Amino acid sequence: MEASDVSDPVIVRLIETRAASAIDRRDMAYSRERQSFAYYRDNRWASPPGVMLNEIIDETLSTQPWVRAVIRGGARVPSGLSLYCEIQRLEHQLETSAAMAPSGQVQMKVACSWYRAAERQLVEAMIFDETVELSANNAESYAKGAQSLVDQLMTRLAAQGASIAATSTTLASDTD
């Protein structure tokens, strides 16, 4: 069954996205060496990454044909699925060598879990752990790299949710 075949779109409860404590802030972080961590002096996120990712997930899921609505917060509305994500790593790594111009990479690791809301049962989990190589060492390149990773994550999350919703709809109709 394809996502477009879902006859009864589901209501998704989006549980507030969290971030590891080191990145649960507006300051942009970077690393010159493994096991070291620092913050840019002048560069900031518009909001902490967890808050921004939560908004992006909401916007992305709200446009999916298998989603009737996305609810957040403590609303007492029955939902078919719940989604919880945690940003475990979002880091800019600088690469410098005497022979090459500075370049770097953006790494992002996000763990997401889908739950069948009624039973509070884990249905499926995903670890998104990807890296994008950059050719320039500047804030614009790092922001574009991070956006590329977010786009990849949203594509996978939407596909995974569509598959779960299709399976849930099939299971529900089989028991009717």
C-alpha atoms as a PDB file:
ATOM      1  CA  MET A   1       0.000   0.000   0.000  1.00  0.00           C
ATOM      2  CA  GLU A   2       1.366   3.397  -0.907  1.00  0.00           C
ATOM      3  CA  ALA A   3       1.088   6.498   1.294  1.00  0.00           C
ATOM      4  CA  SER A   4      -1.386   8.040  -1.160  1.00  0.00           C
ATOM      5  CA  ASP A   5      -3.619   4.958  -0.665  1.00  0.00           C
ATOM      6  CA  VAL A   6      -4.207   5.751   3.005  1.00  0.00           C
ATOM      7  CA  SER A   7      -7.968   6.194   3.203  1.00  0.00           C
ATOM      8  CA  ASP A   8      -8.009   7.469   6.775  1.00  0.00           C
ATOM      9  CA  PRO A   9      -5.246   9.976   7.430  1.00  0.00           C
ATOM     10  CA  VAL A  10      -3.921   9.841  10.990  1.00  0.00           C
ATOM     11  CA  ILE A  11      -3.555  12.489  13.637  1.00  0.00           C
ATOM     12  CA  VAL A  12       0.080  12.737  14.720  1.00  0.00           C
ATOM     13  CA  ARG A  13       1.020  13.968  18.174  1.00  0.00           C
ATOM     14  CA  LEU A  14       4.389  15.711  17.955  1.00  0.00           C
ATOM     15  CA  ILE A  15       6.200  15.480  21.265  1.00  0.00           C
ATOM     16  CA  GLU A  16       8.544  18.425  21.819  1.00  0.00           C
ATOM     17  CA  THR A  17      11.868  17.812  20.089  1.00  0.00           C
ATOM     18  CA  ARG A  18      14.803  17.853  22.481  1.00  0.00           C
ATOM     19  CA  ALA A  19      18.500  18.443  21.944  1.00  0.00           C
ATOM     20  CA  ALA A  20      21.588  17.286  23.798  1.00  0.00           C
ATOM     21  CA  SER A  21      22.535  19.834  26.461  1.00  0.00           C
ATOM     22  CA  ALA A  22      25.638  21.066  24.601  1.00  0.00           C
ATOM     23  CA  ILE A  23      23.526  22.172  21.637  1.00  0.00           C
ATOM     24  CA  ASP A  24      20.314  23.095  23.418  1.00  0.00           C
ATOM     25  CA  ARG A  25      21.117  26.775  22.942  1.00  0.00           C
ATOM     26  CA  ARG A  26      21.236  29.464  20.261  1.00  0.00           C
ATOM     27  CA  ASP A  27      25.039  29.486  20.067  1.00  0.00           C
ATOM     28  CA  MET A  28      26.465  27.688  17.024  1.00  0.00           C
ATOM     29  CA  ALA A  29      29.078  25.106  17.953  1.00  0.00           C
ATOM     30  CA  TYR A  30      32.154  23.889  16.095  1.00  0.00           C
ATOM     31  CA  SER A  31      35.067  21.550  16.615  1.00  0.00           C
ATOM     32  CA  ARG A  32      38.646  21.990  15.382  1.00  0.00           C
ATOM     33  CA  GLU A  33      39.700  18.574  16.689  1.00  0.00           C
ATOM     34  CA  ARG A  34      37.932  15.438  17.818  1.00  0.00           C
ATOM     35  CA  GLN A  35      36.811  15.646  21.438  1.00  0.00           C
ATOM     36  CA  SER A  36      36.988  19.461  21.474  1.00  0.00           C
ATOM     37  CA  PHE A  37      34.009  21.743  21.362  1.00  0.00           C
ATOM     38  CA  ALA A  38      33.645  25.532  21.139  1.00  0.00           C
ATOM     39  CA  TYR A  39      31.051  28.137  20.197  1.00  0.00           C
ATOM     40  CA  TYR A  40      31.268  30.802  17.510  1.00  0.00           C
ATOM     41  CA  ARG A  41      31.570  34.260  18.983  1.00  0.00           C
ATOM     42  CA  ASP A  42      29.212  36.028  16.572  1.00  0.00           C
ATOM     43  CA  ASN A  43      27.101  33.319  14.924  1.00  0.00           C
ATOM     44  CA  ARG A  44      23.803  32.265  16.461  1.00  0.00           C
ATOM     45  CA  TRP A  45      20.840  30.138  15.458  1.00  0.00           C
ATOM     46  CA  ALA A  46      17.529  32.011  15.171  1.00  0.00           C
ATOM     47  CA  SER A  47      16.249  29.671  17.921  1.00  0.00           C
ATOM     48  CA  PRO A  48      17.768  26.642  19.641  1.00  0.00           C
ATOM     49  CA  PRO A  49      18.069  23.727  17.156  1.00  0.00           C
ATOM     50  CA  GLY A  50      15.454  21.606  18.975  1.00  0.00           C
ATOM     51  CA  VAL A  51      12.857  24.371  18.683  1.00  0.00           C
ATOM     52  CA  MET A  52      13.640  24.943  14.998  1.00  0.00           C
ATOM     53  CA  LEU A  53      13.562  21.222  14.166  1.00  0.00           C
ATOM     54  CA  ASN A  54      10.238  20.829  15.972  1.00  0.00           C
ATOM     55  CA  GLU A  55       8.730  23.572  13.765  1.00  0.00           C
ATOM     56  CA  ILE A  56      10.149  21.978  10.607  1.00  0.00           C
ATOM     57  CA  ILE A  57       8.812  18.534  11.539  1.00  0.00           C
ATOM     58  CA  ASP A  58       5.374  20.046  12.216  1.00  0.00           C
ATOM     59  CA  GLU A  59       5.360  21.888   8.868  1.00  0.00           C
ATOM     60  CA  THR A  60       6.599  18.824   6.964  1.00  0.00           C
ATOM     61  CA  LEU A  61       4.154  16.347   8.473  1.00  0.00           C
ATOM     62  CA  SER A  62       1.234  18.775   8.127  1.00  0.00           C
ATOM     63  CA  THR A  63       1.637  18.659   4.323  1.00  0.00           C
ATOM     64  CA  GLN A  64       1.625  14.856   4.060  1.00  0.00           C
ATOM     65  CA  PRO A  65      -1.461  13.175   2.578  1.00  0.00           C
ATOM     66  CA  TRP A  66      -1.416  10.490   5.284  1.00  0.00           C
ATOM     67  CA  VAL A  67      -1.626  13.115   8.071  1.00  0.00           C
ATOM     68  CA  ARG A  68      -4.992  14.599   9.047  1.00  0.00           C
ATOM     69  CA  ALA A  69      -3.452  16.960  11.604  1.00  0.00           C
ATOM     70  CA  VAL A  70      -0.372  17.467  13.753  1.00  0.00           C
ATOM     71  CA  ILE A  71      -1.091  18.287  17.369  1.00  0.00           C
ATOM     72  CA  ARG A  72       1.370  19.539  19.940  1.00  0.00           C
ATOM     73  CA  GLY A  73       1.416  20.240  23.595  1.00  0.00           C
ATOM     74  CA  GLY A  74      -1.087  18.900  26.075  1.00  0.00           C
ATOM     75  CA  ALA A  75      -4.135  18.962  23.797  1.00  0.00           C
ATOM     76  CA  ARG A  76      -6.515  16.166  24.788  1.00  0.00           C
ATOM     77  CA  VAL A  77      -7.152  15.066  21.236  1.00  0.00           C
ATOM     78  CA  PRO A  78      -6.942  11.363  20.397  1.00  0.00           C
ATOM     79  CA  SER A  79      -4.133  10.640  17.961  1.00  0.00           C
ATOM     80  CA  GLY A  80      -3.107   7.614  15.948  1.00  0.00           C
ATOM     81  CA  LEU A  81       0.649   8.089  16.151  1.00  0.00           C
ATOM     82  CA  SER A  82       3.074   9.994  18.334  1.00  0.00           C
ATOM     83  CA  LEU A  83       6.534  11.117  17.265  1.00  0.00           C
ATOM     84  CA  TYR A  84       9.459  12.028  19.492  1.00  0.00           C
ATOM     85  CA  CYS A  85      12.845  13.205  18.164  1.00  0.00           C
ATOM     86  CA  GLU A  86      16.070  14.154  19.898  1.00  0.00           C
ATOM     87  CA  ILE A  87      19.010  15.943  18.301  1.00  0.00           C
ATOM     88  CA  GLN A  88      22.026  14.109  19.640  1.00  0.00           C
ATOM     89  CA  ARG A  89      24.654  15.844  17.549  1.00  0.00           C
ATOM     90  CA  LEU A  90      24.777  18.933  15.352  1.00  0.00           C
ATOM     91  CA  GLU A  91      28.349  19.978  14.847  1.00  0.00           C
ATOM     92  CA  HIS A  92      30.503  21.865  12.404  1.00  0.00           C
ATOM     93  CA  GLN A  93      33.968  20.357  12.054  1.00  0.00           C
ATOM     94  CA  LEU A  94      36.716  22.535  10.644  1.00  0.00           C
ATOM     95  CA  GLU A  95      39.412  20.921   8.526  1.00  0.00           C
ATOM     96  CA  THR A  96      42.641  22.865   8.166  1.00  0.00           C
ATOM     97  CA  SER A  97      45.975  21.843   6.733  1.00  0.00           C
ATOM     98  CA  ALA A  98      48.965  23.727   5.416  1.00  0.00           C
ATOM     99  CA  ALA A  99      48.476  22.304   1.926  1.00  0.00           C
ATOM    100  CA  MET A 100      44.749  22.986   1.585  1.00  0.00           C
ATOM    101  CA  ALA A 101      42.339  25.829   2.080  1.00  0.00           C
ATOM    102  CA  PRO A 102      40.163  25.412   5.148  1.00  0.00           C
ATOM    103  CA  SER A 103      37.077  23.284   4.583  1.00  0.00           C
ATOM    104  CA  GLY A 104      34.906  21.229   6.834  1.00  0.00           C
ATOM    105  CA  GLN A 105      31.799  19.213   7.379  1.00  0.00           C
ATOM    106  CA  VAL A 106      28.494  19.331   9.173  1.00  0.00           C
ATOM    107  CA  GLN A 107      27.434  16.308  11.203  1.00  0.00           C
ATOM    108  CA  MET A 108      23.924  15.707  12.422  1.00  0.00           C
ATOM    109  CA  LYS A 109      22.595  12.826  14.458  1.00  0.00           C
ATOM    110  CA  VAL A 110      18.897  12.682  15.321  1.00  0.00           C
ATOM    111  CA  ALA A 111      17.043   9.800  16.960  1.00  0.00           C
ATOM    112  CA  CYS A 112      13.304   9.586  16.272  1.00  0.00           C
ATOM    113  CA  SER A 113      10.716   7.189  17.661  1.00  0.00           C
ATOM    114  CA  TRP A 114       7.179   6.563  16.427  1.00  0.00           C
ATOM    115  CA  TYR A 115       4.605   5.296  18.916  1.00  0.00           C
ATOM    116  CA  ARG A 116       1.115   3.946  18.441  1.00  0.00           C
ATOM    117  CA  ALA A 117      -0.611   6.498  20.619  1.00  0.00           C
ATOM    118  CA  ALA A 118      -3.443   4.407  22.052  1.00  0.00           C
ATOM    119  CA  GLU A 119      -1.189   1.658  23.409  1.00  0.00           C
ATOM    120  CA  ARG A 120       1.859   3.903  23.944  1.00  0.00           C
ATOM    121  CA  GLN A 121       3.746   1.201  22.101  1.00  0.00           C
ATOM    122  CA  LEU A 122       6.967   1.834  20.192  1.00  0.00           C
ATOM    123  CA  VAL A 123       6.285   1.061  16.540  1.00  0.00           C
ATOM    124  CA  GLU A 124       9.527   2.049  14.850  1.00  0.00           C
ATOM    125  CA  ALA A 125      12.682   4.010  15.538  1.00  0.00           C
ATOM    126  CA  MET A 126      15.219   5.688  13.293  1.00  0.00           C
ATOM    127  CA  ILE A 127      18.716   7.003  13.842  1.00  0.00           C
ATOM    128  CA  PHE A 128      19.627   9.642  11.273  1.00  0.00           C
ATOM    129  CA  ASP A 129      23.422  10.019  11.416  1.00  0.00           C
ATOM    130  CA  GLU A 130      24.796  11.836   8.379  1.00  0.00           C
ATOM    131  CA  THR A 131      27.652  14.129   7.395  1.00  0.00           C
ATOM    132  CA  VAL A 132      27.917  16.718   4.609  1.00  0.00           C
ATOM    133  CA  GLU A 133      31.324  17.772   3.277  1.00  0.00           C
ATOM    134  CA  LEU A 134      31.833  21.500   2.667  1.00  0.00           C
ATOM    135  CA  SER A 135      34.246  23.282   0.353  1.00  0.00           C
ATOM    136  CA  ALA A 136      34.363  26.592   2.221  1.00  0.00           C
ATOM    137  CA  ASN A 137      34.895  27.538   5.830  1.00  0.00           C
ATOM    138  CA  ASN A 138      32.231  30.169   6.399  1.00  0.00           C
ATOM    139  CA  ALA A 139      28.910  30.512   8.169  1.00  0.00           C
ATOM    140  CA  GLU A 140      26.893  30.411   4.922  1.00  0.00           C
ATOM    141  CA  SER A 141      28.433  27.051   3.904  1.00  0.00           C
ATOM    142  CA  TYR A 142      27.766  25.582   7.327  1.00  0.00           C
ATOM    143  CA  ALA A 143      24.164  26.812   7.306  1.00  0.00           C
ATOM    144  CA  LYS A 144      23.588  25.335   3.823  1.00  0.00           C
ATOM    145  CA  GLY A 145      25.147  22.054   4.951  1.00  0.00           C
ATOM    146  CA  ALA A 146      22.908  21.898   8.011  1.00  0.00           C
ATOM    147  CA  GLN A 147      19.834  22.684   5.865  1.00  0.00           C
ATOM    148  CA  SER A 148      20.781  19.887   3.462  1.00  0.00           C
ATOM    149  CA  LEU A 149      20.881  17.438   6.373  1.00  0.00           C
ATOM    150  CA  VAL A 150      17.529  18.664   7.706  1.00  0.00           C
ATOM    151  CA  ASP A 151      15.995  18.184   4.247  1.00  0.00           C
ATOM    152  CA  GLN A 152      17.323  14.602   4.129  1.00  0.00           C
ATOM    153  CA  LEU A 153      15.954  13.921   7.620  1.00  0.00           C
ATOM    154  CA  MET A 154      12.497  15.268   6.698  1.00  0.00           C
ATOM    155  CA  THR A 155      12.387  13.082   3.568  1.00  0.00           C
ATOM    156  CA  ARG A 156      13.191   9.963   5.592  1.00  0.00           C
ATOM    157  CA  LEU A 157      10.846  10.875   8.437  1.00  0.00           C
ATOM    158  CA  ALA A 158       7.917  11.514   6.065  1.00  0.00           C
ATOM    159  CA  ALA A 159       8.535   8.220   4.237  1.00  0.00           C
ATOM    160  CA  GLN A 160       8.815   6.300   7.497  1.00  0.00           C
ATOM    161  CA  GLY A 161       5.624   7.883   8.838  1.00  0.00           C
ATOM    162  CA  ALA A 162       3.747   7.115   5.613  1.00  0.00           C
ATOM    163  CA  SER A 163       4.773   3.474   5.849  1.00  0.00           C
ATOM    164  CA  ILE A 164       3.699   3.248   9.496  1.00  0.00           C
ATOM    165  CA  ALA A 165       0.386   5.007   8.800  1.00  0.00           C
ATOM    166  CA  ALA A 166      -0.338   2.647   5.886  1.00  0.00           C
ATOM    167  CA  THR A 167       0.411  -0.366   8.086  1.00  0.00           C
ATOM    168  CA  SER A 168      -1.701   1.051  10.919  1.00  0.00           C
ATOM    169  CA  THR A 169      -4.615   1.660   8.560  1.00  0.00           C
ATOM    170  CA  THR A 170      -4.301  -1.869   7.175  1.00  0.00           C
ATOM    171  CA  LEU A 171      -4.193  -3.347  10.672  1.00  0.00           C
ATOM    172  CA  ALA A 172      -7.197  -1.290  11.776  1.00  0.00           C
ATOM    173  CA  SER A 173      -9.268  -2.377   8.759  1.00  0.00           C
ATOM    174  CA  ASP A 174      -8.245  -6.018   9.241  1.00  0.00           C
ATOM    175  CA  THR A 175      -9.646  -5.982  12.766  1.00  0.00           C
ATOM    176  CA  ASP A 176     -12.944  -4.304  11.789  1.00  0.00           C
END
